[in-house]
Amino acid sequence: MTSPELTQLSHDVAALCRRTAEFIRQEAATFDRAKIEHKGLHDLVSYVDQETERRLVAGLRELLPTAGFITEEGTAGPDSQAEEFTWIIDPLDGTTNFVHGLPVYSISVGLLHGTELAVGVVHEVSRDESFRAVRGGGAFCNDQPIRVTDISDLHSSLIATGFPYKDFGKMEPFLQILGAFMNRSHGVRRLGSAAVDLAYVAAGRCEAFFEFNLNSYDVAAGILLVREAGGHVTQFLTDGDPLFGREVVASNGPLHAQVQAVIGEFWR
């Protein structure tokens, strides 16, 4: 697929996400918490997640009929990474925020071409902001180019993170890292949607983001956004594989080594 074809595809995916986000907004107005289901103690899902994913899968199958799928709710059938193209979907990243009426949640759609991310779209539902990136083609918010900041002093940075909601075995080092960043930056923010956190790093609204126990569908689109906006994305202590490696550090670039160094003081 050529670069112009990928660019057009990114617009088509963004349009699909915008239409689907309207469904989420309509449901948010009358959502009943009694309809929540639990995948784990703190891992929530609702009919809104499931219906959103069904709509996304149907629309994406029209765009690329031969592509495989990796999805959070399994509505496309068993995960299947195709040889050429694979969609990676989180239909509602920030479900806990959604069910509590806290307006930070998003749709995240990434496209793998072989093993490389080719397209990424994060649609922040409540603000109706569409973040879009194409490999080699830059990153955009509502079709305006975005760029990471050039801040190189950790003390002048704003850091985003996500709190663990399962596997609490590494809570102590995580809290130590959190405390260090609180002392050495402008502050730490926990928004509740990794896809939004990554989009905000790409847009220059914060300088770095770190979180562990993440899945590919949480971060696929956001990783490409950060990279195409001029930033850097790795695992906590090494380059590793931030897409499938379960931990992510994203930054504006100049701060990356400093952020990894702080994490490395406590993380083993």
Protein backbone atom coordinates (compact mmCIF):
# COMPACT_ATOMS: atom_id res chain seq x y z
CA MET A 1 0.00 0.00 0.00
CA THR A 2 1.46 3.37 -1.02
CA SER A 3 1.87 6.34 1.30
CA PRO A 4 -1.04 8.26 -0.32
CA GLU A 5 -3.23 5.16 0.09
CA LEU A 6 -2.29 4.91 3.78
CA THR A 7 -3.03 8.62 4.22
CA GLN A 8 -6.48 8.18 2.68
CA LEU A 9 -7.03 5.11 4.85
CA SER A 10 -6.16 7.15 7.96
CA HIS A 11 -8.83 9.70 6.99
CA ASP A 12 -11.35 6.91 6.47
CA VAL A 13 -10.53 5.37 9.86
CA ALA A 14 -10.76 8.78 11.55
CA ALA A 15 -14.19 9.33 9.98
CA LEU A 16 -15.35 5.89 11.19
CA CYS A 17 -14.12 6.66 14.71
CA ARG A 18 -15.87 10.04 14.70
CA ARG A 19 -19.18 8.41 13.72
CA THR A 20 -18.74 5.70 16.33
CA ALA A 21 -17.86 8.26 18.99
CA GLU A 22 -21.28 9.81 18.48
CA PHE A 23 -22.84 6.51 19.59
CA ILE A 24 -20.69 6.53 22.75
CA ARG A 25 -21.71 10.12 23.55
CA GLN A 26 -25.40 9.26 23.13
CA GLU A 27 -25.06 6.25 25.45
CA ALA A 28 -23.09 8.27 28.03
CA ALA A 29 -26.09 10.55 28.55
CA THR A 30 -28.28 7.72 29.86
CA PHE A 31 -25.81 5.02 30.90
CA ASP A 32 -26.99 2.73 33.71
CA ARG A 33 -24.20 1.40 35.96
CA ALA A 34 -26.26 -1.72 36.60
CA LYS A 35 -25.24 -2.84 33.10
CA ILE A 36 -21.54 -3.04 33.99
CA GLU A 37 -19.81 -6.41 33.70
CA HIS A 38 -16.51 -7.42 35.31
CA LYS A 39 -13.68 -9.09 33.40
CA GLY A 40 -11.62 -8.87 36.61
CA LEU A 41 -11.90 -7.20 40.00
CA HIS A 42 -11.15 -3.72 38.59
CA ASP A 43 -11.46 -4.50 34.87
CA LEU A 44 -14.86 -3.25 33.71
CA VAL A 45 -16.73 -3.74 30.45
CA SER A 46 -20.17 -2.63 29.26
CA TYR A 47 -22.47 -3.14 26.30
CA VAL A 48 -21.12 0.20 25.03
CA ASP A 49 -17.59 -1.27 24.69
CA GLN A 50 -18.96 -4.32 22.92
CA GLU A 51 -21.29 -2.48 20.54
CA THR A 52 -18.61 0.11 19.76
CA GLU A 53 -16.19 -2.66 18.86
CA ARG A 54 -18.76 -4.38 16.64
CA ARG A 55 -19.30 -1.14 14.73
CA LEU A 56 -15.58 -0.54 14.35
CA VAL A 57 -14.88 -4.10 13.19
CA ALA A 58 -17.66 -3.93 10.60
CA GLY A 59 -16.41 -0.60 9.26
CA LEU A 60 -12.76 -1.67 9.19
CA ARG A 61 -13.62 -4.91 7.38
CA GLU A 62 -15.13 -2.79 4.62
CA LEU A 63 -11.94 -0.75 4.38
CA LEU A 64 -9.54 -3.75 4.38
CA PRO A 65 -11.42 -7.04 3.91
CA THR A 66 -8.33 -9.27 4.23
CA ALA A 67 -6.88 -7.73 7.42
CA GLY A 68 -6.63 -9.59 10.70
CA PHE A 69 -7.79 -8.26 14.07
CA ILE A 70 -6.51 -7.91 17.62
CA THR A 71 -9.38 -6.56 19.71
CA GLU A 72 -10.08 -6.04 23.39
CA GLU A 73 -13.59 -7.50 23.49
CA GLY A 74 -13.16 -10.31 20.95
CA THR A 75 -16.07 -9.33 18.70
CA ALA A 76 -13.98 -10.04 15.58
CA GLY A 77 -13.46 -13.64 16.69
CA PRO A 78 -10.13 -15.02 17.95
CA ASP A 79 -7.22 -12.60 17.60
CA SER A 80 -5.54 -13.15 14.24
CA GLN A 81 -2.40 -11.29 13.23
CA ALA A 82 -2.39 -11.34 9.44
CA GLU A 83 0.73 -11.51 7.31
CA GLU A 84 0.12 -8.13 5.71
CA PHE A 85 -2.36 -6.00 7.69
CA THR A 86 -3.74 -6.32 11.23
CA TRP A 87 -6.12 -3.92 12.98
CA ILE A 88 -5.50 -3.41 16.72
CA ILE A 89 -8.58 -1.97 18.44
CA ASP A 90 -9.57 -0.64 21.84
CA PRO A 91 -13.20 0.44 21.41
CA LEU A 92 -13.41 2.37 24.68
CA ASP A 93 -10.09 3.06 26.37
CA GLY A 94 -11.06 4.45 29.75
CA THR A 95 -14.15 2.35 30.48
CA THR A 96 -13.95 3.05 34.22
CA ASN A 97 -14.02 6.79 33.51
CA PHE A 98 -16.98 6.27 31.18
CA VAL A 99 -19.10 4.33 33.67
CA HIS A 100 -18.45 6.95 36.37
CA GLY A 101 -19.21 9.87 34.07
CA LEU A 102 -15.62 11.16 34.07
CA PRO A 103 -15.16 12.54 30.55
CA VAL A 104 -11.75 11.12 29.58
CA TYR A 105 -12.11 8.11 27.30
CA SER A 106 -11.26 7.32 23.73
CA ILE A 107 -11.42 5.03 20.72
CA SER A 108 -8.03 3.67 19.66
CA VAL A 109 -7.40 2.04 16.28
CA GLY A 110 -3.95 1.05 15.03
CA LEU A 111 -2.96 -0.75 11.85
CA LEU A 112 0.04 -3.04 11.58
CA HIS A 113 1.62 -3.53 8.17
CA GLY A 114 3.61 -6.69 8.76
CA THR A 115 5.33 -5.86 12.03
CA GLU A 116 5.36 -2.08 11.57
CA LEU A 117 2.68 0.36 12.70
CA ALA A 118 1.32 2.11 9.62
CA VAL A 119 -1.79 4.01 10.75
CA GLY A 120 -2.95 5.20 14.16
CA VAL A 121 -6.14 7.01 15.19
CA VAL A 122 -7.15 8.04 18.71
CA HIS A 123 -10.51 9.76 19.03
CA GLU A 124 -11.06 11.44 22.38
CA VAL A 125 -14.81 11.15 22.63
CA SER A 126 -15.88 13.93 25.02
CA ARG A 127 -13.71 16.63 23.43
CA ASP A 128 -14.38 15.29 19.92
CA GLU A 129 -10.68 15.47 19.14
CA SER A 130 -9.35 13.23 16.37
CA PHE A 131 -5.65 12.38 16.59
CA ARG A 132 -4.30 10.72 13.45
CA ALA A 133 -0.90 9.51 12.25
CA VAL A 134 0.53 7.73 9.21
CA ARG A 135 3.97 6.12 9.11
CA GLY A 136 6.30 8.67 7.56
CA GLY A 137 3.47 11.18 7.17
CA GLY A 138 3.37 13.03 10.48
CA ALA A 139 0.77 13.37 13.23
CA PHE A 140 -2.35 15.54 13.38
CA CYS A 141 -5.14 16.64 15.71
CA ASN A 142 -8.34 17.55 13.88
CA ASP A 143 -6.15 17.67 10.74
CA GLN A 144 -3.77 20.26 12.20
CA PRO A 145 -0.12 19.12 12.52
CA ILE A 146 1.03 18.35 16.06
CA ARG A 147 4.51 18.09 17.52
CA VAL A 148 6.07 17.04 20.80
CA THR A 149 7.67 19.73 22.96
CA ASP A 150 11.40 20.44 22.95
CA ILE A 151 11.72 20.65 26.75
CA SER A 152 14.96 19.01 27.90
CA ASP A 153 14.80 19.71 31.65
CA LEU A 154 12.85 17.13 33.64
CA HIS A 155 12.02 19.75 36.27
CA SER A 156 10.08 21.71 33.62
CA SER A 157 8.08 18.71 32.40
CA LEU A 158 4.62 17.29 33.02
CA ILE A 159 4.46 13.50 33.34
CA ALA A 160 1.47 11.23 32.69
CA THR A 161 1.00 7.72 34.01
CA GLY A 162 -1.59 5.02 34.61
CA PHE A 163 -2.23 3.22 37.87
CA PRO A 164 -2.22 -0.59 37.89
CA TYR A 165 -5.65 -2.22 38.20
CA LYS A 166 -4.37 -5.81 38.42
CA ASP A 167 -1.06 -7.52 39.20
CA PHE A 168 -0.19 -5.37 42.20
CA GLY A 169 3.08 -7.21 42.84
CA LYS A 170 5.14 -4.26 41.59
CA MET A 171 3.21 -1.61 43.47
CA GLU A 172 6.13 -0.64 45.74
CA PRO A 173 8.63 0.23 42.97
CA PHE A 174 5.85 1.93 40.99
CA LEU A 175 5.01 4.18 43.95
CA GLN A 176 8.70 4.98 44.38
CA ILE A 177 8.91 5.99 40.73
CA LEU A 178 5.76 8.07 41.14
CA GLY A 179 7.24 9.86 44.14
CA ALA A 180 10.47 10.59 42.30
CA PHE A 181 8.63 12.15 39.37
CA MET A 182 6.46 14.19 41.74
CA ASN A 183 9.63 15.65 43.23
CA ARG A 184 11.46 16.21 39.95
CA SER A 185 8.83 17.57 37.56
CA HIS A 186 5.95 20.02 37.31
CA GLY A 187 3.71 17.14 38.39
CA VAL A 188 2.20 13.78 37.51
CA ARG A 189 -1.23 13.27 35.94
CA ARG A 190 -3.34 10.11 35.77
CA LEU A 191 -6.10 10.59 33.17
CA GLY A 192 -7.31 6.99 32.92
CA SER A 193 -6.80 6.35 29.19
CA ALA A 194 -3.39 5.31 27.92
CA ALA A 195 -4.41 6.18 24.37
CA VAL A 196 -5.22 9.75 25.45
CA ASP A 197 -1.98 9.98 27.43
CA LEU A 198 0.04 9.04 24.36
CA ALA A 199 -1.93 11.42 22.15
CA TYR A 200 -1.24 14.21 24.63
CA VAL A 201 2.51 13.52 24.55
CA ALA A 202 2.31 13.72 20.75
CA ALA A 203 0.39 17.00 20.96
CA GLY A 204 2.86 18.57 23.42
CA ARG A 205 0.42 18.68 26.32
CA CYS A 206 2.76 16.62 28.49
CA GLU A 207 6.36 15.60 28.02
CA ALA A 208 6.30 11.91 28.95
CA PHE A 209 4.09 8.96 29.81
CA PHE A 210 4.89 5.63 31.47
CA GLU A 211 2.77 2.64 32.42
CA PHE A 212 3.06 -1.14 32.81
CA ASN A 213 0.64 -4.07 32.34
CA LEU A 214 -0.61 -2.56 29.10
CA ASN A 215 -1.97 -4.45 26.10
CA SER A 216 -1.27 -3.81 22.44
CA TYR A 217 -4.75 -2.38 21.87
CA ASP A 218 -4.15 0.24 24.61
CA VAL A 219 -1.06 1.66 22.91
CA ALA A 220 -0.88 0.76 19.19
CA ALA A 221 -2.31 3.99 17.78
CA GLY A 222 -0.68 6.16 20.44
CA ILE A 223 2.81 4.78 19.81
CA LEU A 224 2.62 5.81 16.16
CA LEU A 225 1.23 9.23 17.11
CA VAL A 226 4.18 9.94 19.40
CA ARG A 227 6.76 8.73 16.91
CA GLU A 228 5.27 10.67 14.01
CA ALA A 229 5.09 13.79 16.21
CA GLY A 230 8.85 13.55 16.76
CA GLY A 231 8.88 11.69 20.07
CA HIS A 232 10.39 8.42 21.28
CA VAL A 233 8.71 5.26 22.60
CA THR A 234 10.40 2.28 24.30
CA GLN A 235 9.96 -0.13 27.17
CA PHE A 236 10.91 0.96 30.69
CA LEU A 237 14.64 0.21 30.66
CA THR A 238 15.40 -0.87 27.10
CA ASP A 239 14.21 -0.19 23.57
CA GLY A 240 12.42 -3.55 23.66
CA ASP A 241 8.93 -3.87 22.19
CA PRO A 242 6.51 -1.28 23.57
CA LEU A 243 3.65 -2.62 21.44
CA PHE A 244 3.52 -6.18 22.78
CA GLY A 245 5.99 -5.87 25.67
CA ARG A 246 3.43 -4.81 28.33
CA GLU A 247 5.26 -1.63 29.40
CA VAL A 248 5.68 1.73 27.71
CA VAL A 249 7.72 4.87 28.12
CA ALA A 250 6.86 7.64 25.65
CA SER A 251 8.50 11.04 25.65
CA ASN A 252 9.25 14.10 23.60
CA GLY A 253 12.73 12.69 22.93
CA PRO A 254 15.12 15.06 24.75
CA LEU A 255 13.78 13.80 28.10
CA HIS A 256 13.74 10.11 27.28
CA ALA A 257 17.02 9.11 28.90
CA GLN A 258 16.17 11.10 32.03
CA VAL A 259 12.75 9.46 32.32
CA GLN A 260 14.24 5.99 31.86
CA ALA A 261 16.94 6.81 34.42
CA VAL A 262 14.34 7.70 37.07
CA ILE A 263 12.43 4.48 36.37
CA GLY A 264 15.68 2.54 36.47
CA GLU A 265 16.41 3.71 40.02
CA PHE A 266 13.57 1.55 41.33
CA TRP A 267 12.41 -0.88 38.62
CA ARG A 268 14.04 -4.29 38.43
